[in-house]
Amino acid sequence: MANQEKLRYENVGITGANGHIGTVLREGLQDLYKIKSFTLEATSFPSVVLDLSDEDRIKGSFLGLDAVIHLAADVNPNSSWESISNNNIEATYQVFEECRRSGVKRIVFASTNHVMHGNTILTTPETLDATKKNLMKLTDPSNPDSLYAISKLFGENLGKLYSQQYGLEFVGLRIGWTIPEDDPSVKRGISAEDYIRAMFLSKRDCVQAFRCALEVPTQFVLGYAISNNDRKVFDLNETRQNLGYNPQDNAENYFK
C-alpha cells in the first residue's frame, strides 16, 4: 500500500464490492487503502459474505474499520417495493447501526441521480428530456423518479440523522451512470442516449469522487458524482468546492 501521503482513513470497508462500482473502487483504491470487501455471495476475491439486512449476522462485521463505502443495493429503478425495502432500506439502516456500534468514523453512501431525475425524466427512469435545460443545485428540492430513488433519499436523511445524533461523518454521492464499457457512445441511437450524455461518470472520475469523499474534512456533505459532461443537468460548482472533486472526462468526447 502506498504511504506517500497521510490519509484521513486507512481501513475502508466496501459493501457490494463485487458490483460494477465496487469493482472499479476495489481496483482504483487498493494501492491507497486497506480494503475489506463485503458481498452477498462468495466471490473470486476475498470477501466477507453477509446479508446486510440481517441484524444478528452484521454485528461485529465492521470492527476495526475507519470508513465504510456503502454501495450494496438493488439498483434497478423498476424494482418492487419488497426488494427495495429489504435491500435498500432495511440493509442501509443495519449498515448505519453497525457503523455506529463499531466506531466507524465515516460513511460514504452511494446515492443516485434518480433523487433529482423527476425534474428531467422523459418517459422512464432511463430516459431524459433533453429539451429541459435544467442545471440543478444540491440545495434544490429533491424530485425522485422511482421507489429506488426514494430509498436513496432515505439513506441521505439517515446520514443526516446519524451525523447530528451520533457524530458519524457522512458523505452522500449522487452518482450518475457509470458502465463497464467506460464509453457512453455504446448507448448511441437508443432511448437512453440523452440520459447517459448528461449523467455519464467515467471510471477515472468515479475513483476520484470516492477518494475525495473519503478524504475531505467534513461532518455532512452531499455531492454530484458525474463527469464534466457538456450536457450535464447538475451544477458541479458546489461539489467542486465542498469535495475538491474535479472530474476529468466528458461524455461528448466519446460521441465525436
Protein backbone atom coordinates (compact mmCIF):
# COMPACT_ATOMS: atom_id res chain seq x y z
CA MET A 1 0.00 0.00 0.00
CA ALA A 2 1.29 3.45 -0.89
CA ASN A 3 2.43 5.58 2.06
CA GLN A 4 3.39 8.69 0.12
CA GLU A 5 0.78 10.83 1.86
CA LYS A 6 -1.12 10.76 5.10
CA LEU A 7 -4.68 9.53 4.62
CA ARG A 8 -7.57 10.52 6.82
CA TYR A 9 -8.78 6.92 6.99
CA GLU A 10 -6.77 3.81 6.21
CA ASN A 11 -9.06 0.83 6.80
CA VAL A 12 -12.01 1.02 4.43
CA GLY A 13 -14.91 -1.40 4.01
CA ILE A 14 -16.81 -1.65 0.74
CA THR A 15 -20.26 -3.22 0.68
CA GLY A 16 -21.44 -4.57 -2.65
CA ALA A 17 -17.77 -4.95 -3.54
CA ASN A 18 -18.47 -7.35 -6.42
CA GLY A 19 -20.79 -4.95 -8.27
CA HIS A 20 -19.67 -2.72 -11.11
CA ILE A 21 -18.81 0.31 -8.98
CA GLY A 22 -17.47 -1.94 -6.24
CA THR A 23 -15.06 -3.49 -8.71
CA VAL A 24 -13.99 -0.07 -10.02
CA LEU A 25 -13.27 1.11 -6.47
CA ARG A 26 -11.52 -2.05 -5.31
CA GLU A 27 -9.15 -1.78 -8.23
CA GLY A 28 -8.82 2.00 -8.11
CA LEU A 29 -8.31 2.40 -4.36
CA GLN A 30 -6.40 -0.75 -3.43
CA ASP A 31 -2.98 0.93 -3.52
CA LEU A 32 -4.10 3.64 -1.10
CA TYR A 33 -6.28 1.87 1.45
CA LYS A 34 -6.59 -1.43 3.24
CA ILE A 35 -9.82 -2.64 1.67
CA LYS A 36 -12.23 -5.08 3.34
CA SER A 37 -14.86 -6.32 0.92
CA PHE A 38 -18.42 -7.35 1.75
CA THR A 39 -20.56 -9.32 -0.68
CA LEU A 40 -23.87 -11.15 -0.60
CA GLU A 41 -22.35 -14.26 -2.18
CA ALA A 42 -18.90 -15.86 -2.37
CA THR A 43 -16.62 -14.30 -4.99
CA SER A 44 -13.31 -14.91 -6.72
CA PHE A 45 -11.64 -12.38 -4.39
CA PRO A 46 -11.52 -12.40 -0.57
CA SER A 47 -14.72 -11.04 0.93
CA VAL A 48 -16.97 -11.30 3.95
CA VAL A 49 -20.17 -12.97 2.75
CA LEU A 50 -23.00 -11.22 4.53
CA ASP A 51 -26.68 -10.36 4.20
CA LEU A 52 -26.55 -6.74 5.33
CA SER A 53 -30.24 -6.73 6.24
CA ASP A 54 -29.65 -9.44 8.88
CA GLU A 55 -29.24 -7.64 12.20
CA ASP A 56 -27.75 -10.65 14.00
CA ARG A 57 -25.19 -11.50 11.31
CA ILE A 58 -23.97 -7.98 10.67
CA LYS A 59 -23.00 -7.33 14.30
CA GLY A 60 -19.23 -7.06 14.70
CA SER A 61 -18.55 -7.09 10.97
CA PHE A 62 -17.19 -3.52 10.81
CA LEU A 63 -14.91 -3.61 13.85
CA GLY A 64 -11.54 -2.06 13.04
CA LEU A 65 -12.79 -0.11 10.04
CA ASP A 66 -12.28 3.64 9.82
CA ALA A 67 -14.75 4.19 6.99
CA VAL A 68 -17.40 2.25 5.08
CA ILE A 69 -18.35 2.83 1.44
CA HIS A 70 -21.93 1.59 1.26
CA LEU A 71 -22.71 0.53 -2.30
CA ALA A 72 -24.79 -2.61 -1.79
CA ALA A 73 -28.35 -2.13 -3.02
CA ASP A 74 -30.93 -3.13 -5.56
CA VAL A 75 -30.07 -0.53 -8.20
CA ASN A 76 -32.94 -1.20 -10.61
CA PRO A 77 -35.31 1.81 -10.66
CA ASN A 78 -38.12 -0.55 -11.65
CA SER A 79 -37.69 -2.98 -8.75
CA SER A 80 -40.54 -3.98 -6.47
CA TRP A 81 -41.15 -2.48 -3.06
CA GLU A 82 -40.32 -5.83 -1.44
CA SER A 83 -36.82 -5.80 -2.88
CA ILE A 84 -36.26 -2.08 -2.30
CA SER A 85 -37.45 -2.20 1.30
CA ASN A 86 -35.18 -5.13 2.19
CA ASN A 87 -32.04 -4.40 0.16
CA ASN A 88 -32.03 -0.60 0.20
CA ILE A 89 -33.85 0.49 3.34
CA GLU A 90 -33.51 -2.27 5.94
CA ALA A 91 -29.94 -3.10 4.85
CA THR A 92 -28.93 0.57 4.87
CA TYR A 93 -30.31 1.01 8.37
CA GLN A 94 -28.42 -2.06 9.59
CA VAL A 95 -25.19 -0.81 7.97
CA PHE A 96 -25.52 2.57 9.69
CA GLU A 97 -26.28 0.90 13.02
CA GLU A 98 -23.25 -1.36 12.73
CA CYS A 99 -21.07 1.64 11.85
CA ARG A 100 -22.34 3.38 14.99
CA ARG A 101 -21.75 0.33 17.18
CA SER A 102 -18.31 -0.40 15.76
CA GLY A 103 -16.92 3.12 15.97
CA VAL A 104 -16.65 3.64 12.22
CA LYS A 105 -15.85 7.31 11.70
CA ARG A 106 -17.25 7.90 8.21
CA ILE A 107 -19.86 6.52 5.82
CA VAL A 108 -19.61 7.25 2.12
CA PHE A 109 -23.06 6.50 0.77
CA ALA A 110 -23.86 5.69 -2.84
CA SER A 111 -26.91 7.83 -3.52
CA THR A 112 -28.17 8.41 -7.03
CA ASN A 113 -29.01 10.97 -9.69
CA HIS A 114 -32.52 9.49 -9.61
CA VAL A 115 -33.33 11.51 -6.48
CA MET A 116 -33.46 14.56 -8.81
CA HIS A 117 -34.34 12.90 -12.12
CA GLY A 118 -38.04 13.62 -11.71
CA ASN A 119 -37.14 17.10 -12.99
CA THR A 120 -35.70 15.78 -16.26
CA ILE A 121 -37.33 12.40 -16.89
CA LEU A 122 -38.92 11.83 -20.30
CA THR A 123 -40.89 8.58 -20.08
CA THR A 124 -38.93 6.15 -17.88
CA PRO A 125 -36.08 6.47 -15.34
CA GLU A 126 -33.63 5.54 -18.14
CA THR A 127 -34.65 8.45 -20.38
CA LEU A 128 -34.08 12.19 -20.19
CA ASP A 129 -35.96 15.07 -21.77
CA ALA A 130 -33.14 16.98 -23.45
CA THR A 131 -35.40 19.99 -24.06
CA LYS A 132 -35.43 20.77 -20.33
CA LYS A 133 -32.41 22.98 -19.72
CA ASN A 134 -32.04 22.34 -16.01
CA LEU A 135 -28.84 22.84 -14.05
CA MET A 136 -29.77 21.57 -10.62
CA LYS A 137 -28.03 22.56 -7.41
CA LEU A 138 -27.62 20.36 -4.37
CA THR A 139 -29.90 22.74 -2.47
CA ASP A 140 -32.78 22.30 -4.92
CA PRO A 141 -35.73 20.24 -3.64
CA SER A 142 -35.44 16.54 -4.40
CA ASN A 143 -37.70 15.06 -7.08
CA PRO A 144 -37.40 11.26 -7.05
CA ASP A 145 -38.37 9.24 -10.12
CA SER A 146 -38.86 5.80 -8.51
CA LEU A 147 -39.02 3.77 -5.31
CA TYR A 148 -35.31 3.20 -5.81
CA ALA A 149 -34.77 6.97 -5.62
CA ILE A 150 -36.96 7.16 -2.52
CA SER A 151 -34.73 4.56 -0.84
CA LYS A 152 -31.65 6.65 -1.61
CA LEU A 153 -33.25 9.74 -0.11
CA PHE A 154 -33.86 7.60 2.97
CA GLY A 155 -30.12 6.91 3.11
CA GLU A 156 -29.24 10.59 2.73
CA ASN A 157 -31.62 11.57 5.52
CA LEU A 158 -30.48 8.72 7.74
CA GLY A 159 -26.94 10.01 7.23
CA LYS A 160 -28.03 13.46 8.38
CA LEU A 161 -29.65 11.99 11.49
CA TYR A 162 -26.65 9.86 12.41
CA SER A 163 -24.30 12.75 11.75
CA GLN A 164 -26.22 15.01 14.11
CA GLN A 165 -27.10 12.47 16.82
CA TYR A 166 -24.02 10.23 16.86
CA GLY A 167 -21.25 12.29 15.27
CA LEU A 168 -20.85 9.88 12.36
CA GLU A 169 -19.31 11.66 9.36
CA PHE A 170 -21.38 11.25 6.21
CA VAL A 171 -20.71 11.92 2.54
CA GLY A 172 -23.52 11.14 0.09
CA LEU A 173 -22.64 10.93 -3.60
CA ARG A 174 -25.48 11.29 -6.08
CA ILE A 175 -23.96 9.05 -8.71
CA GLY A 176 -24.68 9.42 -12.41
CA TRP A 177 -24.24 6.47 -14.76
CA THR A 178 -21.02 4.51 -14.91
CA ILE A 179 -20.87 1.48 -17.22
CA PRO A 180 -18.46 -1.45 -17.68
CA GLU A 181 -17.52 -0.30 -21.20
CA ASP A 182 -16.47 3.12 -19.81
CA ASP A 183 -17.69 4.55 -23.13
CA PRO A 184 -21.11 6.27 -23.23
CA SER A 185 -21.25 6.07 -27.02
CA VAL A 186 -22.33 2.42 -26.71
CA LYS A 187 -25.78 3.92 -25.99
CA ARG A 188 -25.79 5.87 -29.25
CA GLY A 189 -29.12 5.73 -31.07
CA ILE A 190 -31.17 4.22 -28.25
CA SER A 191 -33.67 5.83 -25.88
CA ALA A 192 -31.08 6.17 -23.10
CA GLU A 193 -28.61 8.21 -25.17
CA ASP A 194 -29.65 11.65 -23.89
CA TYR A 195 -29.66 10.31 -20.34
CA ILE A 196 -26.12 8.96 -20.43
CA ARG A 197 -24.78 12.05 -22.19
CA ALA A 198 -25.96 14.05 -19.17
CA MET A 199 -25.21 11.52 -16.41
CA PHE A 200 -22.04 9.72 -17.59
CA LEU A 201 -19.47 9.02 -14.88
CA SER A 202 -16.17 7.61 -16.12
CA LYS A 203 -14.30 5.04 -14.07
CA ARG A 204 -11.47 7.51 -13.55
CA ASP A 205 -13.82 10.19 -12.25
CA CYS A 206 -15.67 7.62 -10.14
CA VAL A 207 -12.49 6.68 -8.29
CA GLN A 208 -11.64 10.35 -7.80
CA ALA A 209 -15.10 11.15 -6.41
CA PHE A 210 -14.92 8.40 -3.80
CA ARG A 211 -11.33 9.28 -2.92
CA CYS A 212 -12.45 12.86 -2.30
CA ALA A 213 -15.38 11.57 -0.25
CA LEU A 214 -13.01 9.62 1.98
CA GLU A 215 -10.50 12.42 2.45
CA VAL A 216 -12.45 15.71 2.64
CA PRO A 217 -12.72 17.18 6.16
CA THR A 218 -16.47 17.35 6.76
CA GLN A 219 -19.26 16.25 9.07
CA PHE A 220 -22.01 16.02 6.46
CA VAL A 221 -21.99 16.79 2.76
CA LEU A 222 -23.70 15.76 -0.45
CA GLY A 223 -22.17 15.85 -3.92
CA TYR A 224 -22.95 15.08 -7.55
CA ALA A 225 -20.73 12.31 -8.94
CA ILE A 226 -20.85 12.79 -12.69
CA SER A 227 -18.16 13.57 -15.23
CA ASN A 228 -17.75 17.08 -16.61
CA ASN A 229 -20.29 16.47 -19.35
CA ASP A 230 -21.28 19.29 -21.72
CA ARG A 231 -24.90 18.14 -21.42
CA LYS A 232 -24.90 17.79 -17.64
CA VAL A 233 -28.05 18.71 -15.75
CA PHE A 234 -26.32 19.03 -12.38
CA ASP A 235 -24.39 22.10 -11.24
CA LEU A 236 -20.97 20.80 -10.18
CA ASN A 237 -19.73 24.04 -8.63
CA GLU A 238 -20.85 23.16 -5.09
CA THR A 239 -19.39 19.67 -5.39
CA ARG A 240 -16.07 21.03 -6.63
CA GLN A 241 -15.97 23.45 -3.71
CA ASN A 242 -17.21 21.12 -0.98
CA LEU A 243 -15.45 17.90 -2.00
CA GLY A 244 -12.49 19.09 -4.05
CA TYR A 245 -13.80 16.91 -6.89
CA ASN A 246 -12.52 17.93 -10.33
CA PRO A 247 -13.84 15.49 -12.98
CA GLN A 248 -11.57 14.98 -15.98
CA ASP A 249 -13.85 13.33 -18.54
CA ASN A 250 -16.73 14.48 -20.74
CA ALA A 251 -19.31 12.23 -22.40
CA GLU A 252 -19.31 14.36 -25.55
CA ASN A 253 -15.70 13.43 -26.30
CA TYR A 254 -16.87 9.85 -26.95
CA PHE A 255 -19.55 10.88 -29.43
CA LYS A 256 -17.30 12.78 -31.84
